[in-house]
C-alpha atoms as a PDB file:
ATOM      1  CA  MET A   1      43.106  -6.441   2.736  1.00  0.00           C
ATOM      2  CA  GLY A   2      46.122  -7.387   0.672  1.00  0.00           C
ATOM      3  CA  PHE A   3      48.383  -5.229  -1.512  1.00  0.00           C
ATOM      4  CA  THR A   4      52.017  -5.282  -2.695  1.00  0.00           C
ATOM      5  CA  ASP A   5      54.520  -2.908  -1.149  1.00  0.00           C
ATOM      6  CA  PRO A   6      58.252  -2.419  -1.952  1.00  0.00           C
ATOM      7  CA  ILE A   7      59.072  -2.255   1.749  1.00  0.00           C
ATOM      8  CA  VAL A   8      58.209  -5.954   2.068  1.00  0.00           C
ATOM      9  CA  ALA A   9      59.777  -6.916  -1.299  1.00  0.00           C
ATOM     10  CA  ASP A  10      56.502  -6.867  -3.251  1.00  0.00           C
ATOM     11  CA  THR A  11      54.916  -9.585  -1.139  1.00  0.00           C
ATOM     12  CA  THR A  12      51.326  -9.232   0.024  1.00  0.00           C
ATOM     13  CA  LEU A  13      50.912  -7.002   3.023  1.00  0.00           C
ATOM     14  CA  ILE A  14      47.833  -7.697   5.162  1.00  0.00           C
ATOM     15  CA  ARG A  15      46.288  -4.899   7.179  1.00  0.00           C
ATOM     16  CA  SER A  16      43.335  -5.261   9.503  1.00  0.00           C
ATOM     17  CA  ALA A  17      41.911  -1.960   8.224  1.00  0.00           C
ATOM     18  CA  ILE A  18      42.673   1.244   6.356  1.00  0.00           C
ATOM     19  CA  ARG A  19      41.445   4.189   8.397  1.00  0.00           C
ATOM     20  CA  SER A  20      41.547   7.957   8.470  1.00  0.00           C
ATOM     21  CA  PRO A  21      43.648   9.442  11.327  1.00  0.00           C
ATOM     22  CA  ASN A  22      40.523  10.808  13.040  1.00  0.00           C
ATOM     23  CA  TYR A  23      38.488   7.606  12.826  1.00  0.00           C
ATOM     24  CA  SER A  24      36.253   6.929  15.811  1.00  0.00           C
ATOM     25  CA  SER A  25      33.440   4.418  15.381  1.00  0.00           C
ATOM     26  CA  GLY A  26      30.118   6.173  15.016  1.00  0.00           C
ATOM     27  CA  VAL A  27      31.700   9.578  15.591  1.00  0.00           C
ATOM     28  CA  SER A  28      34.207  10.702  12.953  1.00  0.00           C
ATOM     29  CA  GLY A  29      36.469   9.641  10.091  1.00  0.00           C
ATOM     30  CA  TRP A  30      36.245   6.553   7.909  1.00  0.00           C
ATOM     31  CA  THR A  31      37.430   2.949   7.819  1.00  0.00           C
ATOM     32  CA  ILE A  32      37.609   0.080   5.319  1.00  0.00           C
ATOM     33  CA  ASN A  33      37.994  -3.173   7.220  1.00  0.00           C
ATOM     34  CA  ARG A  34      39.602  -6.467   6.275  1.00  0.00           C
ATOM     35  CA  ASP A  35      36.304  -8.337   6.721  1.00  0.00           C
ATOM     36  CA  GLY A  36      34.678  -6.246   3.970  1.00  0.00           C
ATOM     37  CA  SER A  37      32.771  -3.867   6.231  1.00  0.00           C
ATOM     38  CA  ALA A  38      33.298  -0.121   6.056  1.00  0.00           C
ATOM     39  CA  GLU A  39      32.135   3.083   7.695  1.00  0.00           C
ATOM     40  CA  PHE A  40      31.907   6.564   6.164  1.00  0.00           C
ATOM     41  CA  ALA A  41      30.255   9.829   7.105  1.00  0.00           C
ATOM     42  CA  ASP A  42      28.831  11.003   3.769  1.00  0.00           C
ATOM     43  CA  VAL A  43      29.151   9.269   0.408  1.00  0.00           C
ATOM     44  CA  VAL A  44      28.675  10.728  -3.071  1.00  0.00           C
ATOM     45  CA  LEU A  45      28.314   8.125  -5.828  1.00  0.00           C
ATOM     46  CA  ARG A  46      28.480   8.941  -9.544  1.00  0.00           C
ATOM     47  CA  GLY A  47      26.697   5.739 -10.462  1.00  0.00           C
ATOM     48  CA  ASP A  48      24.224   3.260  -9.002  1.00  0.00           C
ATOM     49  CA  PHE A  49      24.334   1.672  -5.541  1.00  0.00           C
ATOM     50  CA  ARG A  50      23.313  -1.874  -4.645  1.00  0.00           C
ATOM     51  CA  ALA A  51      23.138  -3.638  -1.275  1.00  0.00           C
ATOM     52  CA  ASP A  52      22.602  -7.420  -1.049  1.00  0.00           C
ATOM     53  CA  GLY A  53      21.135  -9.250   1.951  1.00  0.00           C
ATOM     54  CA  VAL A  54      22.205 -12.700   3.090  1.00  0.00           C
ATOM     55  CA  ASP A  55      18.620 -13.943   2.492  1.00  0.00           C
ATOM     56  CA  GLY A  56      18.727 -13.088  -1.213  1.00  0.00           C
ATOM     57  CA  SER A  57      16.995  -9.731  -0.927  1.00  0.00           C
ATOM     58  CA  TRP A  58      18.562  -6.593  -2.383  1.00  0.00           C
ATOM     59  CA  ILE A  59      18.147  -2.833  -2.738  1.00  0.00           C
ATOM     60  CA  ARG A  60      19.380  -0.739  -5.636  1.00  0.00           C
ATOM     61  CA  LEU A  61      19.475   3.060  -5.871  1.00  0.00           C
ATOM     62  CA  GLU A  62      19.559   4.592  -9.333  1.00  0.00           C
ATOM     63  CA  ALA A  63      19.909   8.265 -10.244  1.00  0.00           C
ATOM     64  CA  GLY A  64      18.966   9.833 -13.536  1.00  0.00           C
ATOM     65  CA  ALA A  65      15.898  11.190 -15.328  1.00  0.00           C
ATOM     66  CA  LEU A  66      13.920   8.592 -13.361  1.00  0.00           C
ATOM     67  CA  ALA A  67      15.352   8.509  -9.830  1.00  0.00           C
ATOM     68  CA  SER A  68      14.427   5.193  -8.258  1.00  0.00           C
ATOM     69  CA  MET A  69      14.882   2.816  -5.354  1.00  0.00           C
ATOM     70  CA  ILE A  70      14.321  -0.812  -6.362  1.00  0.00           C
ATOM     71  CA  LEU A  71      13.539  -3.281  -3.564  1.00  0.00           C
ATOM     72  CA  SER A  72      13.586  -7.051  -4.030  1.00  0.00           C
ATOM     73  CA  PRO A  73      12.380  -9.147  -1.058  1.00  0.00           C
ATOM     74  CA  GLU A  74      13.606 -12.553   0.034  1.00  0.00           C
ATOM     75  CA  PRO A  75      12.928 -15.137  -2.717  1.00  0.00           C
ATOM     76  CA  ILE A  76      10.001 -17.529  -2.223  1.00  0.00           C
ATOM     77  CA  PRO A  77      10.879 -21.083  -3.315  1.00  0.00           C
ATOM     78  CA  GLY A  78       8.793 -22.179  -6.300  1.00  0.00           C
ATOM     79  CA  HIS A  79       7.443 -18.689  -6.983  1.00  0.00           C
ATOM     80  CA  ALA A  80       8.468 -15.848  -9.263  1.00  0.00           C
ATOM     81  CA  VAL A  81       9.109 -12.768  -7.120  1.00  0.00           C
ATOM     82  CA  TYR A  82       9.068  -9.308  -8.687  1.00  0.00           C
ATOM     83  CA  PRO A  83      10.786  -6.313  -7.045  1.00  0.00           C
ATOM     84  CA  GLY A  84       8.948  -3.270  -5.761  1.00  0.00           C
ATOM     85  CA  ALA A  85      10.092   0.273  -6.403  1.00  0.00           C
ATOM     86  CA  VAL A  86       9.810   3.922  -5.497  1.00  0.00           C
ATOM     87  CA  TYR A  87      10.135   6.198  -8.521  1.00  0.00           C
ATOM     88  CA  ALA A  88      10.412   9.984  -8.637  1.00  0.00           C
ATOM     89  CA  ARG A  89      10.242  11.900 -11.888  1.00  0.00           C
ATOM     90  CA  SER A  90       9.409  15.278 -13.364  1.00  0.00           C
ATOM     91  CA  ASP A  91       7.994  16.153 -16.759  1.00  0.00           C
ATOM     92  CA  ALA A  92       8.568  19.728 -17.932  1.00  0.00           C
ATOM     93  CA  VAL A  93       6.290  19.294 -20.954  1.00  0.00           C
ATOM     94  CA  ALA A  94       3.355  18.019 -18.892  1.00  0.00           C
ATOM     95  CA  GLU A  95       4.374  20.317 -16.021  1.00  0.00           C
ATOM     96  CA  ILE A  96       4.134  17.585 -13.393  1.00  0.00           C
ATOM     97  CA  THR A  97       6.261  15.935 -10.771  1.00  0.00           C
ATOM     98  CA  GLU A  98       5.218  12.618  -9.310  1.00  0.00           C
ATOM     99  CA  THR A  99       6.235   9.813  -7.001  1.00  0.00           C
ATOM    100  CA  VAL A 100       5.171   6.266  -7.819  1.00  0.00           C
ATOM    101  CA  ILE A 101       5.255   3.476  -5.203  1.00  0.00           C
ATOM    102  CA  MET A 102       5.018  -0.109  -6.432  1.00  0.00           C
ATOM    103  CA  SER A 103       4.775  -3.061  -4.051  1.00  0.00           C
ATOM    104  CA  PRO A 104       6.866  -6.214  -4.542  1.00  0.00           C
ATOM    105  CA  GLN A 105       4.793  -9.031  -6.052  1.00  0.00           C
ATOM    106  CA  PHE A 106       4.963 -12.775  -6.392  1.00  0.00           C
ATOM    107  CA  GLN A 107       3.263 -15.225  -8.703  1.00  0.00           C
ATOM    108  CA  SER A 108       1.043 -17.853  -7.052  1.00  0.00           C
ATOM    109  CA  SER A 109      -1.892 -20.080  -7.927  1.00  0.00           C
ATOM    110  CA  LEU A 110      -4.161 -17.089  -7.175  1.00  0.00           C
ATOM    111  CA  GLY A 111      -2.345 -14.902  -9.669  1.00  0.00           C
ATOM    112  CA  VAL A 112       0.044 -12.037  -8.999  1.00  0.00           C
ATOM    113  CA  LEU A 113      -0.292 -10.975  -5.354  1.00  0.00           C
ATOM    114  CA  ALA A 114       0.908  -7.743  -3.792  1.00  0.00           C
ATOM    115  CA  ASN A 115       0.307  -5.761  -0.609  1.00  0.00           C
ATOM    116  CA  LEU A 116       1.081  -2.067  -0.273  1.00  0.00           C
ATOM    117  CA  LYS A 117       0.788  -1.199   3.420  1.00  0.00           C
ATOM    118  CA  VAL A 118       1.035   2.131   5.213  1.00  0.00           C
ATOM    119  CA  GLY A 119       1.236   2.134   8.989  1.00  0.00           C
ATOM    120  CA  VAL A 120       3.347   0.890  11.860  1.00  0.00           C
ATOM    121  CA  SER A 121       6.695  -0.666  11.007  1.00  0.00           C
ATOM    122  CA  ASP A 122       6.955  -3.638  13.389  1.00  0.00           C
ATOM    123  CA  PHE A 123       4.800  -5.950  11.204  1.00  0.00           C
ATOM    124  CA  THR A 124       2.489  -6.698  14.164  1.00  0.00           C
ATOM    125  CA  GLY A 125       0.176  -3.678  14.270  1.00  0.00           C
ATOM    126  CA  THR A 126      -2.707  -2.491  12.131  1.00  0.00           C
ATOM    127  CA  TYR A 127      -2.089  -1.057   8.681  1.00  0.00           C
ATOM    128  CA  SER A 128      -4.025   0.895   6.140  1.00  0.00           C
ATOM    129  CA  TYR A 129      -3.354  -0.959   2.931  1.00  0.00           C
ATOM    130  CA  ILE A 130      -4.173  -1.488  -0.698  1.00  0.00           C
ATOM    131  CA  ARG A 131      -4.157  -5.104  -1.803  1.00  0.00           C
ATOM    132  CA  ALA A 132      -4.353  -6.538  -5.278  1.00  0.00           C
ATOM    133  CA  ALA A 133      -5.136 -10.250  -5.670  1.00  0.00           C
ATOM    134  CA  ALA A 134      -6.095 -11.817  -8.983  1.00  0.00           C
ATOM    135  CA  ASP A 135      -8.439  -9.257 -10.592  1.00  0.00           C
ATOM    136  CA  SER A 136     -10.078  -7.923  -7.415  1.00  0.00           C
ATOM    137  CA  VAL A 137      -8.963  -4.779  -5.550  1.00  0.00           C
ATOM    138  CA  TYR A 138      -9.551  -4.148  -1.858  1.00  0.00           C
ATOM    139  CA  VAL A 139      -9.105  -0.858  -0.009  1.00  0.00           C
ATOM    140  CA  SER A 140      -9.331  -1.215   3.768  1.00  0.00           C
ATOM    141  CA  ALA A 141      -8.207   0.570   6.892  1.00  0.00           C
ATOM    142  CA  GLY A 142      -7.615  -0.452  10.478  1.00  0.00           C
ATOM    143  CA  GLY A 143      -7.615   3.218  11.447  1.00  0.00           C
ATOM    144  CA  VAL A 144      -8.592   5.981   9.026  1.00  0.00           C
ATOM    145  CA  LEU A 145      -8.067   5.856   5.265  1.00  0.00           C
ATOM    146  CA  TYR A 146      -8.684   8.878   3.076  1.00  0.00           C
ATOM    147  CA  LEU A 147      -9.057   8.940  -0.698  1.00  0.00           C
ATOM    148  CA  GLU A 148      -8.907  12.576  -1.713  1.00  0.00           C
ATOM    149  CA  SER A 149      -8.848  14.204  -5.121  1.00  0.00           C
ATOM    150  CA  THR A 150      -9.287  17.697  -6.514  1.00  0.00           C
ATOM    151  CA  GLY A 151     -10.844  16.109  -9.591  1.00  0.00           C
ATOM    152  CA  ASN A 152     -12.572  12.737  -9.772  1.00  0.00           C
ATOM    153  CA  THR A 153     -12.018   9.786  -7.443  1.00  0.00           C
ATOM    154  CA  VAL A 154     -13.018   6.489  -9.013  1.00  0.00           C
ATOM    155  CA  LEU A 155     -13.353   3.039  -7.448  1.00  0.00           C
ATOM    156  CA  THR A 156     -14.091   0.526 -10.143  1.00  0.00           C
ATOM    157  CA  GLY A 157     -13.827  -3.201 -10.720  1.00  0.00           C
ATOM    158  CA  ASP A 158     -15.788  -6.399 -11.250  1.00  0.00           C
ATOM    159  CA  SER A 159     -15.786  -6.784  -7.464  1.00  0.00           C
ATOM    160  CA  THR A 160     -15.161  -3.537  -5.544  1.00  0.00           C
ATOM    161  CA  SER A 161     -15.581  -3.322  -1.776  1.00  0.00           C
ATOM    162  CA  VAL A 162     -15.180  -0.438   0.677  1.00  0.00           C
ATOM    163  CA  THR A 163     -15.222  -1.698   4.265  1.00  0.00           C
ATOM    164  CA  GLY A 164     -14.321  -0.409   7.712  1.00  0.00           C
ATOM    165  CA  THR A 165     -15.516  -0.011  11.294  1.00  0.00           C
ATOM    166  CA  ASN A 166     -16.512   3.590  10.563  1.00  0.00           C
ATOM    167  CA  THR A 167     -16.509   4.300   6.828  1.00  0.00           C
ATOM    168  CA  ALA A 168     -17.783   7.564   5.369  1.00  0.00           C
ATOM    169  CA  VAL A 169     -18.357   8.420   1.716  1.00  0.00           C
ATOM    170  CA  SER A 170     -19.119  12.101   1.146  1.00  0.00           C
ATOM    171  CA  ALA A 171     -19.156  14.646  -1.660  1.00  0.00           C
ATOM    172  CA  SER A 172     -19.509  18.425  -1.782  1.00  0.00           C
ATOM    173  CA  TYR A 173     -21.565  18.229  -4.974  1.00  0.00           C
ATOM    174  CA  ASP A 174     -22.845  15.051  -6.640  1.00  0.00           C
ATOM    175  CA  LEU A 175     -22.156  11.488  -5.524  1.00  0.00           C
ATOM    176  CA  ASP A 176     -22.910   8.998  -8.271  1.00  0.00           C
ATOM    177  CA  VAL A 177     -23.014   5.265  -7.541  1.00  0.00           C
ATOM    178  CA  THR A 178     -23.622   3.048 -10.554  1.00  0.00           C
ATOM    179  CA  ALA A 179     -23.760  -0.732 -10.461  1.00  0.00           C
ATOM    180  CA  ASP A 180     -25.841  -3.679 -11.567  1.00  0.00           C
ATOM    181  CA  ALA A 181     -26.574  -4.301  -7.883  1.00  0.00           C
ATOM    182  CA  ILE A 182     -25.844  -2.286  -4.713  1.00  0.00           C
ATOM    183  CA  TYR A 183     -25.923  -3.939  -1.290  1.00  0.00           C
ATOM    184  CA  LEU A 184     -25.961  -2.036   2.028  1.00  0.00           C
ATOM    185  CA  ASP A 185     -25.189  -4.412   4.900  1.00  0.00           C
ATOM    186  CA  SER A 186     -25.541  -2.333   8.043  1.00  0.00           C
ATOM    187  CA  ALA A 187     -27.222  -2.606  11.437  1.00  0.00           C
ATOM    188  CA  THR A 188     -28.599   0.938  11.021  1.00  0.00           C
ATOM    189  CA  ILE A 189     -29.261   3.250   8.102  1.00  0.00           C
ATOM    190  CA  GLY A 190     -30.340   6.903   7.913  1.00  0.00           C
ATOM    191  CA  PHE A 191     -31.118   9.543   5.292  1.00  0.00           C
ATOM    192  CA  TYR A 192     -30.848  13.323   4.973  1.00  0.00           C
ATOM    193  CA  GLY A 193     -28.504  13.707   7.926  1.00  0.00           C
ATOM    194  CA  TYR A 194     -30.527  11.580  10.345  1.00  0.00           C
ATOM    195  CA  ALA A 195     -28.682   8.993  12.437  1.00  0.00           C
ATOM    196  CA  GLY A 196     -31.297   6.426  11.502  1.00  0.00           C
ATOM    197  CA  GLY A 197     -31.963   3.164  13.217  1.00  0.00           C
ATOM    198  CA  SER A 198     -32.307  -0.558  12.734  1.00  0.00           C
ATOM    199  CA  GLN A 199     -34.580  -2.087  10.091  1.00  0.00           C
ATOM    200  CA  PRO A 200     -38.157  -1.322  11.276  1.00  0.00           C
ATOM    201  CA  THR A 201     -40.966  -3.862  11.419  1.00  0.00           C
ATOM    202  CA  ILE A 202     -44.371  -2.641  10.273  1.00  0.00           C
ATOM    203  CA  TYR A 203     -47.458  -4.124  11.978  1.00  0.00           C
ATOM    204  CA  GLY A 204     -51.196  -3.657  11.612  1.00  0.00           C
ATOM    205  CA  SER A 205     -53.832  -4.111   8.948  1.00  0.00           C
ATOM    206  CA  THR A 206     -53.699  -2.570   5.496  1.00  0.00           C
ATOM    207  CA  GLY A 207     -57.487  -2.657   5.375  1.00  0.00           C
ATOM    208  CA  GLY A 208     -57.324  -4.165   1.907  1.00  0.00           C
ATOM    209  CA  ASN A 209     -55.700  -1.006   0.455  1.00  0.00           C
ATOM    210  CA  ALA A 210     -53.957  -2.255  -2.679  1.00  0.00           C
ATOM    211  CA  ALA A 211     -51.709   0.796  -3.017  1.00  0.00           C
ATOM    212  CA  LEU A 212     -50.550   0.518   0.614  1.00  0.00           C
ATOM    213  CA  GLN A 213     -49.942  -3.222   0.228  1.00  0.00           C
ATOM    214  CA  ASN A 214     -47.878  -2.601  -2.883  1.00  0.00           C
ATOM    215  CA  LEU A 215     -45.840   0.121  -1.143  1.00  0.00           C
ATOM    216  CA  LEU A 216     -45.111  -2.150   1.818  1.00  0.00           C
ATOM    217  CA  TYR A 217     -44.136  -4.976  -0.521  1.00  0.00           C
ATOM    218  CA  GLU A 218     -41.697  -2.801  -2.475  1.00  0.00           C
ATOM    219  CA  LEU A 219     -40.118  -1.325   0.690  1.00  0.00           C
ATOM    220  CA  SER A 220     -39.734  -4.821   2.093  1.00  0.00           C
ATOM    221  CA  TYR A 221     -38.230  -6.026  -1.184  1.00  0.00           C
ATOM    222  CA  LEU A 222     -35.633  -3.249  -0.946  1.00  0.00           C
ATOM    223  CA  GLY A 223     -34.835  -4.357   2.590  1.00  0.00           C
ATOM    224  CA  LEU A 224     -35.886  -1.037   4.116  1.00  0.00           C
ATOM    225  CA  ILE A 225     -38.648  -2.580   6.301  1.00  0.00           C
ATOM    226  CA  ILE A 226     -39.943  -5.886   7.576  1.00  0.00           C
ATOM    227  CA  ASP A 227     -43.561  -6.212   6.509  1.00  0.00           C
ATOM    228  CA  SER A 228     -45.616  -7.918   9.232  1.00  0.00           C
ATOM    229  CA  THR A 229     -48.913  -6.374   8.258  1.00  0.00           C
ATOM    230  CA  SER A 230     -52.062  -8.295   7.539  1.00  0.00           C
END
C-alpha cells in the first residue's frame, strides 16, 4: 500500500504489508497486505459488512432492530435474481422472537422460482426441501421431514402434495382433510391400526341381491375393491 512519509521526502512509500509484531499466519496477530487481502483474529464493526464474490454474488451483514444476513447468488443472464436472507428479530409488545429464512429467487418463464433446502452441504446428496414454483407448493423429503406445531398445522393450496417413501400423517385429536377430491395412490391401505394389504378382488355370485350389488359397486367406485362378482 502507498502512503507519504517525511523520511522519503513525501514521496509514496510502498510496503508489502502492515503487520502486528506478533503476526503469524493462522495463529496470531493481524496483517493488511498490499494485494488487498487481510487477516485478523476478531473484528468488531459499528456498521454493516459486505463481501463480494468474483462471480457477482455477495453477502451483507446488517445489525439493528432487524439483524439480518442478506445473500445474493451468482447472477443468471437474462433473469432477475432476488437475494435470500436470514432475519432475526424480537418484539417486546407481541412477546415473540423469531428467525425468518428466505431463499434466493429468480424470475423465469414459470414465474418466481425458489428452493429452500436443508441437508448435506456438498450439493450432491439428498435434501429435505421446500420448493415454491409458480403458485404450487411442494414439501418433500429424501430422509425424514417433520412439520410440528403446538397449535394448527395447515397445508393449503390449489395443488398441494405430500409425498415420500414413508410418509406419516398423524394427530393426537382430530385430523380433518377437506378437499373437492382426495386421491390415495398406494400399493396397500389399512384402517384402525391394521397394516392392510393390496386392493382386494371380490369374486362369487351376488345371488341377485340388489343391496349387495349396490354395496360392491360403491366400494369399487371408491377404489377400495375390484368387483369381479356375477
